[in-house]
Amino acid sequence: MAVTGIVGKKIGMTQVFDEKGDVHPITVLQAGPCVITQLKTLARDGYEAAQIGLVEFVKDKNVTKPQKGHFAKTEAPPVKVIKEVALELDAEERWLPRQATACWWTSSPRPGLST
């Protein structure tokens, strides 16, 4: 399975030093947790995709009735940000988790960065 995107929130900025002592600016992101609010299928929608949302606290008054119905279909909590990401699924690979974290998208950390 290949996912072509991720939903996150910018937390802030910081800096790191490399072996030479040079300073590099780093953006700190909160990547997930994300919930899958809808799966787009080739048969129904004409393409394979997953609609994912970043789980954050949302006041009930800020969620519209159509959004509540959309979230109720998949039993997902209300989310602020919804994005659609493309999926490339094999024929036998049709299962997706309900909730995804950053490790769902990443197979290995970037070289040079500690985990």
N, C-alpha and C. Protein backbone atom coordinates (compact mmCIF):
# COMPACT_ATOMS: atom_id res chain seq x y z
N MET A 1 0.85 -1.17 0.00
CA MET A 1 0.00 0.00 0.00
C MET A 1 0.89 1.23 0.00
N ALA A 2 0.57 2.20 -0.82
CA ALA A 2 1.33 3.44 -0.87
C ALA A 2 0.38 4.60 -0.63
N VAL A 3 0.74 5.45 0.31
CA VAL A 3 -0.04 6.64 0.64
C VAL A 3 0.78 7.84 0.20
N THR A 4 0.13 8.82 -0.42
CA THR A 4 0.87 9.94 -0.98
C THR A 4 0.77 11.22 -0.17
N GLY A 5 0.32 11.15 1.08
CA GLY A 5 0.22 12.36 1.87
C GLY A 5 0.04 12.06 3.34
N ILE A 6 0.06 13.12 4.13
CA ILE A 6 -0.14 13.01 5.56
C ILE A 6 -0.77 14.31 6.04
N VAL A 7 -1.54 14.23 7.11
CA VAL A 7 -2.16 15.42 7.68
C VAL A 7 -1.50 15.68 9.02
N GLY A 8 -1.08 16.90 9.23
CA GLY A 8 -0.41 17.27 10.47
C GLY A 8 -0.64 18.72 10.81
N LYS A 9 -0.08 19.11 11.93
CA LYS A 9 -0.23 20.48 12.42
C LYS A 9 1.15 20.99 12.81
N LYS A 10 1.44 22.22 12.43
CA LYS A 10 2.72 22.81 12.77
C LYS A 10 2.71 23.20 14.25
N ILE A 11 3.69 22.70 14.99
CA ILE A 11 3.81 22.99 16.41
C ILE A 11 4.70 24.20 16.64
N GLY A 12 5.80 24.27 15.91
CA GLY A 12 6.73 25.38 16.09
C GLY A 12 8.01 25.17 15.31
N MET A 13 9.00 25.96 15.67
CA MET A 13 10.31 25.89 15.02
C MET A 13 11.37 25.65 16.08
N THR A 14 12.46 25.01 15.68
CA THR A 14 13.61 24.80 16.54
C THR A 14 14.85 24.76 15.65
N GLN A 15 15.99 24.46 16.22
CA GLN A 15 17.21 24.36 15.44
C GLN A 15 18.04 23.19 15.93
N VAL A 16 18.81 22.62 15.02
CA VAL A 16 19.73 21.53 15.36
C VAL A 16 21.09 21.86 14.79
N PHE A 17 22.11 21.27 15.41
CA PHE A 17 23.48 21.47 14.98
C PHE A 17 23.98 20.17 14.36
N ASP A 18 24.70 20.28 13.23
CA ASP A 18 25.29 19.09 12.62
C ASP A 18 26.69 18.87 13.16
N GLU A 19 27.43 17.90 12.58
CA GLU A 19 28.76 17.55 13.07
C GLU A 19 29.75 18.70 12.94
N LYS A 20 29.55 19.56 11.93
CA LYS A 20 30.46 20.69 11.70
C LYS A 20 30.15 21.86 12.62
N GLY A 21 29.01 21.83 13.30
CA GLY A 21 28.62 22.95 14.16
C GLY A 21 27.71 23.94 13.46
N ASP A 22 27.27 23.63 12.23
CA ASP A 22 26.37 24.51 11.51
C ASP A 22 24.95 24.34 12.06
N VAL A 23 24.21 25.44 12.06
CA VAL A 23 22.84 25.43 12.56
C VAL A 23 21.88 25.22 11.40
N HIS A 24 20.87 24.35 11.61
CA HIS A 24 19.85 24.09 10.60
C HIS A 24 18.48 24.30 11.24
N PRO A 25 17.63 25.13 10.61
CA PRO A 25 16.28 25.31 11.17
C PRO A 25 15.42 24.07 10.92
N ILE A 26 14.60 23.72 11.88
CA ILE A 26 13.74 22.55 11.81
C ILE A 26 12.32 22.96 12.16
N THR A 27 11.37 22.51 11.37
CA THR A 27 9.96 22.72 11.66
C THR A 27 9.45 21.50 12.42
N VAL A 28 8.80 21.74 13.55
CA VAL A 28 8.26 20.66 14.37
C VAL A 28 6.80 20.46 14.00
N LEU A 29 6.44 19.23 13.62
CA LEU A 29 5.08 18.91 13.20
C LEU A 29 4.48 17.86 14.12
N GLN A 30 3.19 17.97 14.34
CA GLN A 30 2.42 16.91 14.99
C GLN A 30 1.75 16.15 13.86
N ALA A 31 2.21 14.95 13.60
CA ALA A 31 1.68 14.15 12.50
C ALA A 31 0.73 13.09 13.04
N GLY A 32 -0.53 13.44 13.09
CA GLY A 32 -1.55 12.49 13.54
C GLY A 32 -1.85 12.65 15.01
N PRO A 33 -2.72 11.88 15.56
CA PRO A 33 -3.37 10.74 14.94
C PRO A 33 -4.43 11.17 13.93
N CYS A 34 -4.60 10.37 12.93
CA CYS A 34 -5.58 10.63 11.88
C CYS A 34 -6.60 9.50 11.86
N VAL A 35 -7.83 9.84 11.50
CA VAL A 35 -8.86 8.81 11.34
C VAL A 35 -9.31 8.82 9.88
N ILE A 36 -9.69 7.65 9.42
CA ILE A 36 -10.20 7.52 8.06
C ILE A 36 -11.70 7.77 8.11
N THR A 37 -12.14 8.83 7.43
CA THR A 37 -13.56 9.19 7.45
C THR A 37 -14.32 8.62 6.26
N GLN A 38 -13.62 8.28 5.17
CA GLN A 38 -14.28 7.71 4.01
C GLN A 38 -13.25 7.04 3.12
N LEU A 39 -13.63 5.92 2.53
CA LEU A 39 -12.79 5.25 1.53
C LEU A 39 -13.43 5.44 0.16
N LYS A 40 -12.66 5.93 -0.78
CA LYS A 40 -13.10 6.06 -2.17
C LYS A 40 -12.68 4.80 -2.90
N THR A 41 -13.60 4.16 -3.60
CA THR A 41 -13.27 2.92 -4.32
C THR A 41 -13.36 3.14 -5.82
N LEU A 42 -12.68 2.28 -6.52
CA LEU A 42 -12.66 2.36 -7.98
C LEU A 42 -14.05 2.13 -8.56
N ALA A 43 -14.79 1.21 -7.98
CA ALA A 43 -16.12 0.88 -8.49
C ALA A 43 -17.12 2.01 -8.27
N ARG A 44 -17.08 2.62 -7.11
CA ARG A 44 -18.08 3.64 -6.77
C ARG A 44 -17.68 5.04 -7.22
N ASP A 45 -16.40 5.40 -7.03
CA ASP A 45 -15.96 6.77 -7.27
C ASP A 45 -15.05 6.95 -8.47
N GLY A 46 -14.54 5.85 -9.02
CA GLY A 46 -13.68 5.95 -10.19
C GLY A 46 -12.20 6.04 -9.86
N TYR A 47 -11.84 6.06 -8.59
CA TYR A 47 -10.43 6.11 -8.18
C TYR A 47 -10.31 5.59 -6.76
N GLU A 48 -9.08 5.22 -6.38
CA GLU A 48 -8.80 4.71 -5.04
C GLU A 48 -8.23 5.84 -4.20
N ALA A 49 -8.86 6.15 -3.07
CA ALA A 49 -8.37 7.19 -2.17
C ALA A 49 -8.95 6.98 -0.79
N ALA A 50 -8.33 7.62 0.18
CA ALA A 50 -8.84 7.61 1.54
C ALA A 50 -9.01 9.06 1.98
N GLN A 51 -10.13 9.35 2.59
CA GLN A 51 -10.38 10.67 3.15
C GLN A 51 -10.00 10.59 4.62
N ILE A 52 -9.00 11.36 5.02
CA ILE A 52 -8.51 11.28 6.40
C ILE A 52 -8.67 12.62 7.08
N GLY A 53 -8.78 12.58 8.40
CA GLY A 53 -8.93 13.79 9.18
C GLY A 53 -8.00 13.77 10.37
N LEU A 54 -7.45 14.94 10.70
CA LEU A 54 -6.58 15.10 11.85
C LEU A 54 -7.43 15.24 13.09
N VAL A 55 -7.23 14.37 14.07
CA VAL A 55 -8.04 14.36 15.28
C VAL A 55 -7.59 15.50 16.19
N GLU A 56 -8.46 16.46 16.36
CA GLU A 56 -8.27 17.58 17.28
C GLU A 56 -9.60 17.85 17.94
N PHE A 57 -9.57 18.55 19.07
CA PHE A 57 -10.82 18.88 19.75
C PHE A 57 -11.63 19.86 18.91
N VAL A 58 -12.89 19.54 18.68
CA VAL A 58 -13.81 20.40 17.94
C VAL A 58 -15.06 20.59 18.79
N LYS A 59 -15.45 21.83 19.01
CA LYS A 59 -16.68 22.09 19.75
C LYS A 59 -17.87 21.58 18.95
N ASP A 60 -18.86 21.06 19.66
CA ASP A 60 -20.03 20.49 19.01
C ASP A 60 -20.79 21.53 18.18
N LYS A 61 -20.78 22.78 18.63
CA LYS A 61 -21.50 23.82 17.89
C LYS A 61 -20.84 24.16 16.56
N ASN A 62 -19.58 23.78 16.39
CA ASN A 62 -18.85 24.07 15.15
C ASN A 62 -18.95 22.96 14.11
N VAL A 63 -19.66 21.89 14.44
CA VAL A 63 -19.84 20.77 13.51
C VAL A 63 -21.25 20.85 12.94
N THR A 64 -21.35 20.91 11.62
CA THR A 64 -22.66 21.01 10.98
C THR A 64 -23.35 19.65 10.96
N LYS A 65 -24.65 19.65 10.72
CA LYS A 65 -25.40 18.39 10.66
C LYS A 65 -24.91 17.48 9.54
N PRO A 66 -24.61 18.00 8.34
CA PRO A 66 -24.05 17.12 7.32
C PRO A 66 -22.72 16.49 7.72
N GLN A 67 -21.87 17.27 8.40
CA GLN A 67 -20.59 16.73 8.87
C GLN A 67 -20.82 15.66 9.92
N LYS A 68 -21.76 15.87 10.84
CA LYS A 68 -22.06 14.87 11.87
C LYS A 68 -22.50 13.56 11.23
N GLY A 69 -23.33 13.63 10.19
CA GLY A 69 -23.76 12.43 9.50
C GLY A 69 -22.61 11.73 8.80
N HIS A 70 -21.70 12.51 8.22
CA HIS A 70 -20.54 11.96 7.53
C HIS A 70 -19.64 11.22 8.52
N PHE A 71 -19.41 11.80 9.69
CA PHE A 71 -18.57 11.16 10.70
C PHE A 71 -19.26 9.96 11.33
N ALA A 72 -20.59 9.99 11.44
CA ALA A 72 -21.33 8.89 12.05
C ALA A 72 -21.27 7.62 11.19
N LYS A 73 -21.14 7.76 9.88
CA LYS A 73 -21.07 6.59 8.99
C LYS A 73 -19.89 5.69 9.33
N THR A 74 -18.76 6.29 9.69
CA THR A 74 -17.56 5.51 10.01
C THR A 74 -17.25 5.52 11.50
N GLU A 75 -18.15 6.07 12.30
CA GLU A 75 -17.96 6.17 13.75
C GLU A 75 -16.67 6.91 14.10
N ALA A 76 -16.33 7.92 13.30
CA ALA A 76 -15.13 8.72 13.53
C ALA A 76 -15.48 9.93 14.39
N PRO A 77 -14.54 10.41 15.19
CA PRO A 77 -14.80 11.62 15.96
C PRO A 77 -14.80 12.83 15.03
N PRO A 78 -15.45 13.93 15.43
CA PRO A 78 -15.41 15.14 14.60
C PRO A 78 -13.97 15.64 14.47
N VAL A 79 -13.60 16.05 13.27
CA VAL A 79 -12.25 16.54 13.01
C VAL A 79 -12.34 17.92 12.36
N LYS A 80 -11.28 18.71 12.53
CA LYS A 80 -11.23 20.05 11.94
C LYS A 80 -10.82 20.01 10.48
N VAL A 81 -9.82 19.21 10.18
CA VAL A 81 -9.21 19.20 8.84
C VAL A 81 -9.47 17.85 8.20
N ILE A 82 -10.04 17.87 6.99
CA ILE A 82 -10.24 16.64 6.21
C ILE A 82 -9.50 16.81 4.88
N LYS A 83 -8.68 15.82 4.55
CA LYS A 83 -7.95 15.80 3.29
C LYS A 83 -8.11 14.44 2.65
N GLU A 84 -7.98 14.41 1.34
CA GLU A 84 -8.08 13.16 0.60
C GLU A 84 -6.70 12.82 0.06
N VAL A 85 -6.27 11.57 0.32
CA VAL A 85 -4.96 11.13 -0.16
C VAL A 85 -5.16 9.92 -1.05
N ALA A 86 -4.36 9.84 -2.09
CA ALA A 86 -4.46 8.73 -3.03
C ALA A 86 -3.89 7.46 -2.43
N LEU A 87 -4.45 6.33 -2.80
CA LEU A 87 -3.99 5.02 -2.35
C LEU A 87 -3.66 4.16 -3.56
N GLU A 88 -2.64 3.35 -3.43
CA GLU A 88 -2.34 2.33 -4.43
C GLU A 88 -2.40 1.00 -3.71
N LEU A 89 -3.51 0.27 -3.87
CA LEU A 89 -3.72 -0.99 -3.18
C LEU A 89 -3.52 -2.16 -4.12
N ASP A 90 -2.92 -3.23 -3.60
CA ASP A 90 -2.83 -4.48 -4.35
C ASP A 90 -4.20 -5.14 -4.33
N ALA A 91 -4.39 -6.14 -5.16
CA ALA A 91 -5.69 -6.82 -5.26
C ALA A 91 -6.09 -7.47 -3.94
N GLU A 92 -5.13 -8.03 -3.20
CA GLU A 92 -5.47 -8.70 -1.96
C GLU A 92 -5.44 -7.77 -0.75
N GLU A 93 -5.06 -6.52 -0.95
CA GLU A 93 -4.89 -5.59 0.15
C GLU A 93 -6.05 -4.59 0.17
N ARG A 94 -7.11 -4.90 0.88
CA ARG A 94 -8.29 -4.05 0.94
C ARG A 94 -8.61 -3.57 2.35
N TRP A 95 -7.75 -3.87 3.32
CA TRP A 95 -8.01 -3.49 4.69
C TRP A 95 -7.23 -2.24 5.03
N LEU A 96 -7.86 -1.30 5.71
CA LEU A 96 -7.19 -0.10 6.20
C LEU A 96 -7.54 0.10 7.66
N PRO A 97 -6.61 0.59 8.49
CA PRO A 97 -6.93 0.82 9.89
C PRO A 97 -7.89 2.00 10.06
N ARG A 98 -8.65 2.01 11.15
CA ARG A 98 -9.56 3.12 11.42
C ARG A 98 -8.80 4.37 11.84
N GLN A 99 -7.72 4.17 12.60
CA GLN A 99 -6.93 5.30 13.07
C GLN A 99 -5.49 5.10 12.66
N ALA A 100 -4.87 6.16 12.19
CA ALA A 100 -3.51 6.07 11.70
C ALA A 100 -2.63 7.09 12.40
N THR A 101 -1.40 6.70 12.65
CA THR A 101 -0.42 7.62 13.21
C THR A 101 0.67 7.82 12.18
N ALA A 102 1.69 8.57 12.54
CA ALA A 102 2.76 8.86 11.59
C ALA A 102 3.48 7.60 11.15
N CYS A 103 3.55 6.58 11.99
CA CYS A 103 4.26 5.36 11.62
C CYS A 103 3.53 4.59 10.52
N TRP A 104 2.25 4.86 10.29
CA TRP A 104 1.51 4.19 9.23
C TRP A 104 2.03 4.60 7.86
N TRP A 105 2.49 5.84 7.73
CA TRP A 105 2.98 6.35 6.46
C TRP A 105 4.47 6.13 6.27
N THR A 106 5.22 6.06 7.34
CA THR A 106 6.66 6.06 7.26
C THR A 106 7.21 4.65 7.42
N SER A 107 8.01 4.22 6.47
CA SER A 107 8.63 2.91 6.60
C SER A 107 9.97 3.00 7.31
N SER A 108 10.67 4.12 7.17
CA SER A 108 11.95 4.30 7.87
C SER A 108 12.18 5.79 8.09
N PRO A 109 12.88 6.13 9.17
CA PRO A 109 13.15 7.55 9.42
C PRO A 109 14.10 8.12 8.38
N ARG A 110 14.06 9.42 8.25
CA ARG A 110 14.95 10.08 7.30
C ARG A 110 16.40 9.94 7.76
N PRO A 111 17.34 9.77 6.84
CA PRO A 111 18.74 9.65 7.22
C PRO A 111 19.22 10.91 7.91
N GLY A 112 19.98 10.73 8.97
CA GLY A 112 20.54 11.88 9.66
C GLY A 112 19.69 12.40 10.80
N LEU A 113 18.45 11.93 10.93
CA LEU A 113 17.60 12.38 12.01
C LEU A 113 17.41 11.26 13.02
N SER A 114 17.52 11.58 14.28
CA SER A 114 17.33 10.56 15.31
C SER A 114 15.86 10.45 15.64
N THR A 115 15.43 9.25 16.04
CA THR A 115 14.02 9.02 16.37
C THR A 115 13.82 8.99 17.86
